[in-house]
């Protein structure tokens, strides 16, 4: 499936994310650009603050290629510091704030972070984690606060030349029990994500505004923030999610584009959105999980008639996105859509190569190609070679393309569970549970769930002494084995687990039919 070319395919989009950001700040001028509940910056102010951060990075010995870790929620200051990294050629790596200390420490070591930027809520954790790293607080008080950091930076007139092949981001994907899985993106792939994102959200105007609730560690942050930087629209960051307050913010801030995962959308839709003035909303967007008839209907009835969804991934960026608008969703609410301009999608035989394309309607592995596809994974050459081939990325997702050229996602080749739009590894959870001295065997599966899409459930064979799931959860928490979003929603005790002919766990035999 291939789309026709448009102007950006002729090289007219920004060559780097740096040039995209600089242009947007200039175009935005005196109008508000980055806002949150405590700080509002115009385009001009945004650029000035970014240069101040970049100067401070320079004065404190941050060089091109150095990794700067972020342990914070989304905010204006976090975003300013993120783009300051781009200006000096440093590489941001945003950590998951809800991760365990042991996993965070492993990631910091793996990426060789030189600096940690933390907000007030995560400052203590960052300081406890820091071994070789300096910690800078985004709070305006304390010994390591950003105000004193900026004061020591002065003003640097010349920064390193940034070219399209320079590394611009380390994006954490689904974790494993071994080395963290770190997706690499260059200035070129980030600029492409920014440029082509307007087709994902149907937001062609600088008068558009978007609300960002997701943390910067998630790919959705990149897929949302960068396109709105590209069109010089307004970006409102709001980390304190509560459904009524969220709806009030949409009303008060006159938000036009609202992106959420289906799990969160269902919470918002159950909070009487009709009580609020949402007339400025022009696009209700969801991704991360397949949609449903009821979700599309409720969004159309309670938000706006323009409902969009997209198939996006950490590895692919927006240029490899597959998008469905209301025209498709009204007929097929569970559809994923068709490629954005310049993107390509195939469904291939999972056991074959890229040329083994399957006929219309047959389920196989989804592979995508576009100018925003990652060059690969950090320090994992074998995995990179297996998943990134001739510009194509093998997603591991199962899907089919129908006679109209529309893609439908049908599951996973591997044992990932998509819960609350977060893909987690069943093996990772199993490995953690097996550390309990009384657990002999364990099998983890995902079960359909109205709220979460899939819920994590664990099936356990004990050595005889373990009978209560509460003891399992206490063990996980006390030993910091898993962040809370990876905890099973239910634990089932069994005498045995179903095994396949080779003795491997037969997961399908654990799932409710």
Protein backbone atom coordinates (compact mmCIF):
# COMPACT_ATOMS: atom_id res chain seq x y z
CA UNK A 1 0.00 0.00 0.00
CA UNK A 2 1.65 3.24 -1.16
CA UNK A 3 0.49 6.82 -1.25
CA UNK A 4 1.06 9.53 -3.77
CA UNK A 5 3.80 12.05 -3.22
CA UNK A 6 3.25 15.52 -1.80
CA UNK A 7 5.38 18.59 -1.41
CA UNK A 8 7.43 17.42 1.55
CA UNK A 9 8.62 14.44 -0.44
CA UNK A 10 10.48 16.92 -2.61
CA UNK A 11 12.67 17.98 0.32
CA UNK A 12 10.71 21.04 1.35
CA UNK A 13 10.25 19.99 4.97
CA UNK A 14 12.79 20.97 7.64
CA UNK A 15 16.03 18.99 7.42
CA UNK A 16 16.46 18.93 11.20
CA UNK A 17 14.25 19.25 14.25
CA UNK A 18 16.38 22.23 15.26
CA UNK A 19 15.48 24.18 12.12
CA UNK A 20 11.82 23.18 12.54
CA UNK A 21 11.76 24.53 16.11
CA UNK A 22 13.58 27.75 15.26
CA UNK A 23 11.21 28.46 12.37
CA UNK A 24 8.14 27.75 14.53
CA UNK A 25 9.27 30.05 17.35
CA UNK A 26 9.80 32.84 14.83
CA UNK A 27 6.40 32.26 13.19
CA UNK A 28 4.64 32.15 16.56
CA UNK A 29 6.23 35.42 17.67
CA UNK A 30 4.30 37.13 20.47
CA UNK A 31 1.47 34.58 20.54
CA UNK A 32 1.42 31.91 23.23
CA UNK A 33 3.28 28.79 22.12
CA UNK A 34 3.99 26.55 25.15
CA UNK A 35 1.59 26.80 28.08
CA UNK A 36 0.84 24.89 31.27
CA UNK A 37 -1.03 25.66 34.52
CA UNK A 38 1.92 27.68 35.91
CA UNK A 39 3.81 29.10 32.92
CA UNK A 40 2.90 30.59 29.53
CA UNK A 41 5.53 31.38 26.90
CA UNK A 42 5.18 33.06 23.54
CA UNK A 43 7.17 31.85 20.56
CA UNK A 44 9.79 34.52 21.20
CA UNK A 45 9.97 33.74 24.92
CA UNK A 46 10.15 30.03 24.17
CA UNK A 47 13.15 30.51 21.93
CA UNK A 48 14.90 32.80 24.40
CA UNK A 49 14.41 30.30 27.24
CA UNK A 50 15.63 27.48 25.03
CA UNK A 51 18.80 29.38 24.17
CA UNK A 52 19.31 30.08 27.88
CA UNK A 53 19.09 26.36 28.65
CA UNK A 54 21.35 25.51 25.71
CA UNK A 55 23.93 28.06 26.89
CA UNK A 56 23.84 26.55 30.37
CA UNK A 57 24.33 23.05 28.91
CA UNK A 58 27.32 24.39 26.99
CA UNK A 59 28.88 26.10 30.02
CA UNK A 60 28.43 22.98 32.16
CA UNK A 61 30.34 20.76 29.76
CA UNK A 62 27.52 19.15 27.78
CA UNK A 63 28.85 18.33 24.34
CA UNK A 64 27.32 17.13 21.09
CA UNK A 65 26.31 13.49 21.49
CA UNK A 66 26.08 13.54 25.30
CA UNK A 67 22.93 11.92 26.72
CA UNK A 68 20.68 13.95 29.04
CA UNK A 69 18.11 11.93 30.98
CA UNK A 70 14.73 13.41 31.91
CA UNK A 71 12.81 12.16 34.94
CA UNK A 72 9.75 14.37 34.92
CA UNK A 73 6.22 14.87 33.68
CA UNK A 74 5.30 17.06 30.72
CA UNK A 75 5.55 20.80 31.28
CA UNK A 76 6.69 23.97 29.55
CA UNK A 77 10.11 23.83 31.22
CA UNK A 78 10.60 20.16 30.38
CA UNK A 79 9.82 20.90 26.73
CA UNK A 80 12.12 23.92 26.65
CA UNK A 81 14.95 21.78 28.06
CA UNK A 82 14.15 19.06 25.49
CA UNK A 83 14.55 21.47 22.58
CA UNK A 84 17.65 22.97 24.18
CA UNK A 85 19.17 19.50 23.90
CA UNK A 86 18.51 19.63 20.16
CA UNK A 87 20.24 23.02 19.85
CA UNK A 88 23.50 21.82 21.48
CA UNK A 89 23.35 18.38 19.88
CA UNK A 90 22.76 16.56 23.16
CA UNK A 91 20.53 13.49 23.09
CA UNK A 92 17.48 13.45 25.41
CA UNK A 93 16.35 10.17 26.94
CA UNK A 94 13.08 10.49 28.86
CA UNK A 95 12.69 7.93 31.64
CA UNK A 96 9.43 6.44 32.86
CA UNK A 97 8.62 8.23 36.14
CA UNK A 98 6.69 5.23 37.50
CA UNK A 99 9.51 2.76 36.89
CA UNK A 100 11.36 1.06 39.72
CA UNK A 101 14.66 2.43 40.99
CA UNK A 102 16.55 -0.65 39.86
CA UNK A 103 15.23 -0.40 36.30
CA UNK A 104 15.87 3.35 36.17
CA UNK A 105 19.42 2.82 37.36
CA UNK A 106 20.00 0.16 34.71
CA UNK A 107 18.72 2.49 31.99
CA UNK A 108 20.90 5.40 33.13
CA UNK A 109 23.94 3.17 32.95
CA UNK A 110 22.95 1.65 29.61
CA UNK A 111 22.53 5.03 27.86
CA UNK A 112 25.53 6.60 29.66
CA UNK A 113 23.57 9.63 30.81
CA UNK A 114 25.71 12.64 31.79
CA UNK A 115 22.95 14.80 33.31
CA UNK A 116 19.53 14.18 34.88
CA UNK A 117 16.75 16.77 34.64
CA UNK A 118 13.96 16.17 37.17
CA UNK A 119 10.81 17.97 38.28
CA UNK A 120 9.97 18.53 41.93
CA UNK A 121 7.94 15.32 42.26
CA UNK A 122 10.83 13.16 41.02
CA UNK A 123 13.80 15.09 42.40
CA UNK A 124 14.50 12.81 45.37
CA UNK A 125 14.45 9.72 43.15
CA UNK A 126 16.81 11.38 40.65
CA UNK A 127 19.25 12.39 43.37
CA UNK A 128 19.25 8.86 44.80
CA UNK A 129 19.88 7.42 41.34
CA UNK A 130 22.67 9.80 40.37
CA UNK A 131 26.13 8.29 40.58
CA UNK A 132 28.18 10.04 37.90
CA UNK A 133 25.41 12.42 36.82
CA UNK A 134 24.63 15.99 37.81
CA UNK A 135 20.96 16.52 38.75
CA UNK A 136 19.11 19.70 37.73
CA UNK A 137 15.70 20.44 39.24
CA UNK A 138 12.94 22.12 37.22
CA UNK A 139 11.60 23.51 40.49
CA UNK A 140 12.52 27.14 41.19
CA UNK A 141 13.91 26.39 44.63
CA UNK A 142 16.61 24.17 46.13
CA UNK A 143 20.33 23.85 45.59
CA UNK A 144 20.17 22.29 42.15
CA UNK A 145 17.30 24.32 40.67
CA UNK A 146 17.21 25.40 37.05
CA UNK A 147 17.31 29.12 37.92
CA UNK A 148 20.82 28.86 39.35
CA UNK A 149 21.75 26.47 36.52
CA UNK A 150 20.72 29.05 33.92
CA UNK A 151 22.39 31.89 35.82
CA UNK A 152 25.74 30.17 35.44
CA UNK A 153 25.31 29.65 31.73
CA UNK A 154 25.72 33.16 30.37
CA UNK A 155 24.86 33.50 26.69
CA UNK A 156 26.49 31.41 23.98
CA UNK A 157 26.40 32.90 20.48
CA UNK A 158 27.59 29.86 18.58
CA UNK A 159 26.41 26.27 18.97
CA UNK A 160 27.56 23.11 17.17
CA UNK A 161 26.33 22.59 13.63
CA UNK A 162 23.42 20.14 13.67
CA UNK A 163 22.94 17.94 10.60
CA UNK A 164 20.16 15.57 9.65
CA UNK A 165 22.10 12.40 10.52
CA UNK A 166 22.86 13.53 14.10
CA UNK A 167 21.21 11.52 16.84
CA UNK A 168 18.30 13.49 18.32
CA UNK A 169 16.49 11.15 20.70
CA UNK A 170 16.69 7.89 22.62
CA UNK A 171 13.13 6.69 23.06
CA UNK A 172 12.41 3.90 25.53
CA UNK A 173 10.21 1.19 24.16
CA UNK A 174 8.70 -1.81 25.97
CA UNK A 175 11.11 -3.05 28.59
CA UNK A 176 12.74 -6.40 29.08
CA UNK A 177 14.50 -8.06 31.96
CA UNK A 178 17.82 -7.56 30.20
CA UNK A 179 19.16 -4.39 28.61
CA UNK A 180 16.61 -1.61 28.05
CA UNK A 181 15.16 -1.44 24.56
CA UNK A 182 16.14 2.01 23.32
CA UNK A 183 14.85 3.27 19.98
CA UNK A 184 17.13 5.74 18.19
CA UNK A 185 15.88 8.74 16.22
CA UNK A 186 17.90 11.23 14.22
CA UNK A 187 17.31 14.89 13.49
CA UNK A 188 15.97 13.77 10.10
CA UNK A 189 13.45 11.23 11.44
CA UNK A 190 12.25 13.68 14.11
CA UNK A 191 11.83 16.46 11.52
CA UNK A 192 9.82 14.07 9.34
CA UNK A 193 7.61 13.14 12.30
CA UNK A 194 7.04 16.85 12.91
CA UNK A 195 6.26 17.66 9.28
CA UNK A 196 3.95 14.79 8.44
CA UNK A 197 2.12 14.82 11.77
CA UNK A 198 -0.38 17.34 10.39
CA UNK A 199 -1.91 14.50 8.37
CA UNK A 200 -2.22 12.38 11.50
CA UNK A 201 -4.21 14.97 13.44
CA UNK A 202 -5.84 16.91 10.61
CA UNK A 203 -4.43 20.12 12.07
CA UNK A 204 -3.29 22.40 9.25
CA UNK A 205 -3.52 25.74 11.03
CA UNK A 206 -1.40 27.63 13.61
CA UNK A 207 -4.73 28.52 15.20
CA UNK A 208 -5.04 24.92 16.34
CA UNK A 209 -4.20 23.98 19.91
CA UNK A 210 -3.55 20.60 21.50
CA UNK A 211 -3.60 19.34 25.07
CA UNK A 212 -0.74 17.04 26.12
CA UNK A 213 -1.29 14.84 29.16
CA UNK A 214 1.09 12.00 28.39
CA UNK A 215 4.60 11.97 29.84
CA UNK A 216 7.64 12.70 27.62
CA UNK A 217 8.84 9.10 28.01
CA UNK A 218 6.03 7.88 25.75
CA UNK A 219 6.23 7.89 21.96
CA UNK A 220 2.83 9.62 21.93
CA UNK A 221 4.55 12.75 23.31
CA UNK A 222 6.82 12.91 20.27
CA UNK A 223 3.98 12.09 17.90
CA UNK A 224 1.87 14.94 19.34
CA UNK A 225 4.25 17.73 20.35
CA UNK A 226 6.46 17.74 17.25
CA UNK A 227 3.61 18.14 14.70
CA UNK A 228 2.22 21.10 16.63
CA UNK A 229 5.67 22.66 16.81
CA UNK A 230 5.86 22.23 13.04
CA UNK A 231 2.61 24.14 12.38
CA UNK A 232 3.44 26.68 15.12
CA UNK A 233 0.23 25.81 16.95
CA UNK A 234 -0.26 26.17 20.69
CA UNK A 235 0.69 23.25 22.95
CA UNK A 236 -0.86 23.09 26.42
CA UNK A 237 0.81 20.68 28.85
CA UNK A 238 -1.25 19.39 31.76
CA UNK A 239 0.09 16.47 33.77
CA UNK A 240 -2.59 16.42 36.48
CA UNK A 241 -5.25 14.29 34.89
CA UNK A 242 -8.68 14.15 36.50
CA UNK A 243 -11.64 13.80 34.11
CA UNK A 244 -13.72 16.79 35.26
CA UNK A 245 -10.66 19.01 35.52
CA UNK A 246 -9.51 17.79 32.11
CA UNK A 247 -12.83 18.75 30.54
CA UNK A 248 -12.75 22.13 32.27
CA UNK A 249 -9.27 22.74 30.86
CA UNK A 250 -10.42 21.91 27.32
CA UNK A 251 -13.21 24.45 27.77
CA UNK A 252 -11.11 27.19 29.38
CA UNK A 253 -8.07 26.83 27.12
CA UNK A 254 -10.19 26.52 23.96
CA UNK A 255 -8.42 23.33 22.94
CA UNK A 256 -9.12 22.20 19.36
CA UNK A 257 -7.32 18.80 19.18
CA UNK A 258 -7.73 16.25 21.98
CA UNK A 259 -5.55 13.09 21.79
CA UNK A 260 -6.08 10.26 24.30
CA UNK A 261 -5.80 6.50 24.39
CA UNK A 262 -9.16 4.63 24.31
CA UNK A 263 -8.82 3.58 27.98
CA UNK A 264 -8.64 7.22 29.10
CA UNK A 265 -11.27 8.35 26.59
CA UNK A 266 -13.77 5.97 28.20
CA UNK A 267 -13.11 7.58 31.60
CA UNK A 268 -13.62 11.06 30.14
CA UNK A 269 -16.79 10.07 28.29
CA UNK A 270 -18.24 8.69 31.52
CA UNK A 271 -17.73 12.09 33.21
CA UNK A 272 -20.62 13.97 31.55
CA UNK A 273 -18.72 15.95 28.91
CA UNK A 274 -22.03 17.50 27.81
CA UNK A 275 -21.81 19.73 30.91
CA UNK A 276 -18.89 21.61 29.33
CA UNK A 277 -18.51 23.92 26.35
CA UNK A 278 -16.44 21.83 23.94
CA UNK A 279 -17.43 23.74 20.83
CA UNK A 280 -13.83 24.59 19.99
CA UNK A 281 -12.84 20.92 19.66
CA UNK A 282 -12.31 20.13 15.98
CA UNK A 283 -10.58 16.74 16.26
CA UNK A 284 -11.02 13.92 18.79
CA UNK A 285 -8.09 11.54 18.39
CA UNK A 286 -7.25 8.11 19.79
CA UNK A 287 -4.36 5.70 19.30
CA UNK A 288 -2.49 2.92 21.05
CA UNK A 289 -5.43 0.50 20.96
CA UNK A 290 -8.03 -0.44 18.35
CA UNK A 291 -11.27 1.52 18.50
CA UNK A 292 -14.83 0.26 18.78
CA UNK A 293 -18.29 1.19 17.55
CA UNK A 294 -19.29 2.57 20.94
CA UNK A 295 -16.13 4.67 21.31
CA UNK A 296 -16.44 6.25 17.87
CA UNK A 297 -20.16 6.88 18.42
CA UNK A 298 -19.63 8.46 21.85
CA UNK A 299 -16.82 10.69 20.60
CA UNK A 300 -18.94 11.82 17.67
CA UNK A 301 -21.92 12.56 19.91
CA UNK A 302 -20.06 14.24 22.79
CA UNK A 303 -16.99 15.91 21.29
CA UNK A 304 -17.03 16.48 17.55
CA UNK A 305 -17.86 14.78 14.29
CA UNK A 306 -14.20 14.71 13.26
CA UNK A 307 -12.82 11.56 14.91
CA UNK A 308 -9.35 10.30 13.98
CA UNK A 309 -7.26 7.29 14.92
CA UNK A 310 -3.75 6.24 13.92
CA UNK A 311 -1.35 3.34 14.02
CA UNK A 312 1.89 4.78 15.39
CA UNK A 313 4.96 3.26 17.01
CA UNK A 314 8.17 4.28 18.75
CA UNK A 315 10.17 2.84 15.88
CA UNK A 316 8.10 4.27 13.06
CA UNK A 317 7.32 7.90 13.78
CA UNK A 318 4.50 9.81 12.10
CA UNK A 319 5.74 9.32 8.54
CA UNK A 320 5.06 5.61 8.80
CA UNK A 321 1.68 6.23 10.40
CA UNK A 322 -1.59 4.73 9.26
CA UNK A 323 -4.57 7.03 9.79
CA UNK A 324 -8.33 6.69 9.74
CA UNK A 325 -10.67 9.67 9.87
CA UNK A 326 -14.43 9.80 10.32
CA UNK A 327 -15.04 8.74 6.72
CA UNK A 328 -13.44 5.36 7.45
CA UNK A 329 -14.37 5.00 11.13
CA UNK A 330 -18.09 5.60 10.55
CA UNK A 331 -18.11 2.51 8.33
CA UNK A 332 -15.45 0.44 10.15
CA UNK A 333 -14.96 1.66 13.76
CA UNK A 334 -12.23 -0.92 14.42
CA UNK A 335 -10.21 0.07 11.34
CA UNK A 336 -6.68 1.39 11.62
CA UNK A 337 -6.72 3.29 8.34
CA UNK A 338 -4.52 4.02 5.33
CA UNK A 339 -0.92 5.36 5.22
CA UNK A 340 -0.12 9.03 5.51
CA UNK A 341 1.32 10.59 2.34
CA UNK A 342 4.78 9.20 1.77
CA UNK A 343 4.24 6.17 3.98
CA UNK A 344 4.05 2.54 2.90
CA UNK A 345 2.48 -0.48 4.58
CA UNK A 346 2.65 -4.16 3.70
CA UNK A 347 1.35 -7.33 5.26
CA UNK A 348 3.87 -10.14 4.81
CA UNK A 349 4.30 -13.77 5.74
CA UNK A 350 5.78 -13.64 9.28
CA UNK A 351 8.13 -16.51 8.41
CA UNK A 352 9.24 -14.96 5.13
CA UNK A 353 10.98 -11.86 3.85
CA UNK A 354 9.77 -8.41 2.86
CA UNK A 355 8.85 -9.61 -0.61
CA UNK A 356 6.51 -12.29 0.73
CA UNK A 357 3.47 -10.01 0.58
CA UNK A 358 0.19 -11.70 1.47
CA UNK A 359 -3.00 -11.39 -0.60
CA UNK A 360 -5.81 -9.02 0.33
CA UNK A 361 -7.65 -10.08 3.47
CA UNK A 362 -4.99 -12.47 4.78
CA UNK A 363 -3.52 -11.90 8.26
CA UNK A 364 0.23 -11.51 8.50
CA UNK A 365 2.96 -9.29 9.94
CA UNK A 366 2.62 -5.54 9.42
CA UNK A 367 5.72 -3.83 8.03
CA UNK A 368 6.02 -0.08 7.46
CA UNK A 369 8.37 2.30 5.68
CA UNK A 370 8.69 6.09 5.71
CA UNK A 371 11.18 8.90 6.24
CA UNK A 372 10.60 8.91 10.03
CA UNK A 373 11.44 5.24 10.64
CA UNK A 374 14.17 4.77 13.25
CA UNK A 375 17.65 3.64 12.16
CA UNK A 376 17.57 0.97 14.90
CA UNK A 377 18.15 0.20 18.57
CA UNK A 378 20.94 1.40 20.85
CA UNK A 379 23.68 -1.24 21.40
CA UNK A 380 21.52 -4.05 19.97
CA UNK A 381 22.93 -4.76 16.48
CA UNK A 382 21.34 -8.20 16.12
CA UNK A 383 17.87 -6.95 16.97
CA UNK A 384 18.35 -3.94 14.69
CA UNK A 385 19.37 -6.17 11.79
CA UNK A 386 16.34 -8.41 12.34
CA UNK A 387 13.74 -5.64 12.60
CA UNK A 388 15.06 -2.87 10.29
CA UNK A 389 15.61 -4.00 6.69
CA UNK A 390 16.08 -1.71 3.66
CA UNK A 391 14.16 1.12 5.31
CA UNK A 392 11.32 -1.17 6.42
CA UNK A 393 10.47 -1.87 10.04
CA UNK A 394 9.02 -5.25 10.97
CA UNK A 395 6.47 -4.31 13.63
CA UNK A 396 5.63 -7.70 15.12
CA UNK A 397 1.97 -6.69 14.84
CA UNK A 398 -0.52 -8.92 13.06
CA UNK A 399 -2.91 -7.31 10.60
CA UNK A 400 -4.66 -7.47 7.25
CA UNK A 401 -5.37 -5.07 4.41
CA UNK A 402 -8.87 -5.26 2.97
CA UNK A 403 -10.04 -4.72 -0.61
CA UNK A 404 -10.31 -0.94 0.01
CA UNK A 405 -6.67 -0.72 1.11
CA UNK A 406 -7.59 -0.23 4.79
CA UNK A 407 -5.37 -1.78 7.46
CA UNK A 408 -6.85 -3.66 10.43
CA UNK A 409 -4.66 -4.65 13.40
CA UNK A 410 -5.39 -8.16 14.68
CA UNK A 411 -2.91 -8.77 17.51
CA UNK A 412 0.76 -9.58 18.10
CA UNK A 413 3.24 -12.16 16.89
CA UNK A 414 5.03 -12.10 20.22
CA UNK A 415 3.75 -12.23 23.76
CA UNK A 416 3.20 -8.53 24.34
CA UNK A 417 0.05 -7.41 26.09
CA UNK A 418 -1.53 -4.09 25.12
CA UNK A 419 -2.96 -2.76 28.38
CA UNK A 420 -4.08 0.85 28.64
CA UNK A 421 -2.30 1.50 25.30
CA UNK A 422 1.02 0.39 26.83
CA UNK A 423 2.63 -2.71 25.35
CA UNK A 424 4.20 -4.89 28.02
CA UNK A 425 6.12 -8.13 27.78
CA UNK A 426 4.52 -11.26 29.25
CA UNK A 427 7.99 -12.81 29.66
CA UNK A 428 9.17 -9.82 31.68
CA UNK A 429 6.33 -10.22 34.18
CA UNK A 430 6.88 -13.98 34.33
CA UNK A 431 10.58 -13.54 35.06
CA UNK A 432 9.80 -11.18 37.93
CA UNK A 433 7.18 -13.52 39.46
CA UNK A 434 9.54 -16.50 39.24
CA UNK A 435 11.90 -14.76 41.64
CA UNK A 436 9.42 -15.61 44.42
CA UNK A 437 10.86 -18.67 46.21
CA UNK A 438 7.48 -20.45 46.35
CA UNK A 439 6.54 -20.00 42.67
CA UNK A 440 7.45 -22.97 40.50
CA UNK A 441 5.82 -22.09 37.16
CA UNK A 442 4.03 -19.03 35.85
CA UNK A 443 2.21 -18.05 32.68
CA UNK A 444 1.09 -14.49 31.95
CA UNK A 445 -1.57 -13.63 29.38
CA UNK A 446 -3.75 -10.74 28.33
CA UNK A 447 -7.52 -11.00 28.61
CA UNK A 448 -10.08 -8.70 26.93
CA UNK A 449 -11.13 -5.86 29.20
CA UNK A 450 -13.65 -3.07 28.65
CA UNK A 451 -11.51 -0.47 30.43
CA UNK A 452 -7.93 -1.51 29.69
CA UNK A 453 -8.29 -3.16 26.29
CA UNK A 454 -6.38 -6.10 27.74
CA UNK A 455 -5.83 -6.90 31.40
CA UNK A 456 -2.74 -8.69 32.69
CA UNK A 457 -3.50 -12.01 34.39
CA UNK A 458 -0.99 -14.45 35.87
CA UNK A 459 -1.44 -18.22 36.24
CA UNK A 460 0.82 -19.68 38.92
CA UNK A 461 1.91 -23.15 40.03
CA UNK A 462 3.35 -23.01 43.53
CA UNK A 463 5.67 -25.28 45.49
CA UNK A 464 2.88 -25.75 48.01
CA UNK A 465 3.16 -22.91 50.51
CA UNK A 466 1.80 -19.93 48.54
CA UNK A 467 -1.97 -19.48 48.48
CA UNK A 468 -2.65 -15.74 48.55
CA UNK A 469 -2.11 -13.29 45.70
CA UNK A 470 -1.56 -10.46 48.19
CA UNK A 471 1.69 -12.10 49.23
CA UNK A 472 2.81 -12.09 45.60
CA UNK A 473 2.10 -8.37 45.24
CA UNK A 474 3.94 -7.61 48.49
CA UNK A 475 6.94 -9.52 47.19
CA UNK A 476 6.93 -7.57 43.92
CA UNK A 477 6.67 -4.25 45.74
CA UNK A 478 9.22 -4.99 48.46
CA UNK A 479 11.82 -6.11 45.92
CA UNK A 480 11.02 -3.43 43.30
CA UNK A 481 10.63 -6.08 40.61
CA UNK A 482 8.00 -4.36 38.47
CA UNK A 483 6.42 -0.91 38.18
CA UNK A 484 2.79 -0.91 39.24
CA UNK A 485 1.36 -0.73 35.70
CA UNK A 486 2.96 -4.15 35.04
CA UNK A 487 1.33 -5.83 38.03
CA UNK A 488 -1.20 -8.53 37.13
CA UNK A 489 -4.83 -7.52 37.58
CA UNK A 490 -5.58 -11.08 38.70
CA UNK A 491 -3.61 -14.11 39.92
CA UNK A 492 -4.91 -17.65 39.39
CA UNK A 493 -3.42 -20.61 41.27
CA UNK A 494 -3.22 -23.82 39.23
CA UNK A 495 -2.01 -27.36 39.75
CA UNK A 496 -0.33 -27.33 36.31
CA UNK A 497 0.06 -25.18 33.20
CA UNK A 498 -0.71 -26.25 29.62
CA UNK A 499 2.42 -27.11 27.64
CA UNK A 500 2.96 -27.53 23.92
CA UNK A 501 4.52 -30.56 22.22
CA UNK A 502 8.05 -29.21 22.81
CA UNK A 503 7.42 -28.54 26.50
CA UNK A 504 7.02 -24.79 26.08
CA UNK A 505 4.19 -22.91 27.74
CA UNK A 506 1.01 -22.94 25.65
CA UNK A 507 -0.41 -19.48 26.42
CA UNK A 508 -3.55 -19.91 24.36
CA UNK A 509 -4.52 -22.72 26.72
CA UNK A 510 -4.53 -20.24 29.62
CA UNK A 511 -6.80 -17.68 27.98
CA UNK A 512 -10.56 -17.69 28.36
CA UNK A 513 -12.14 -18.72 25.09
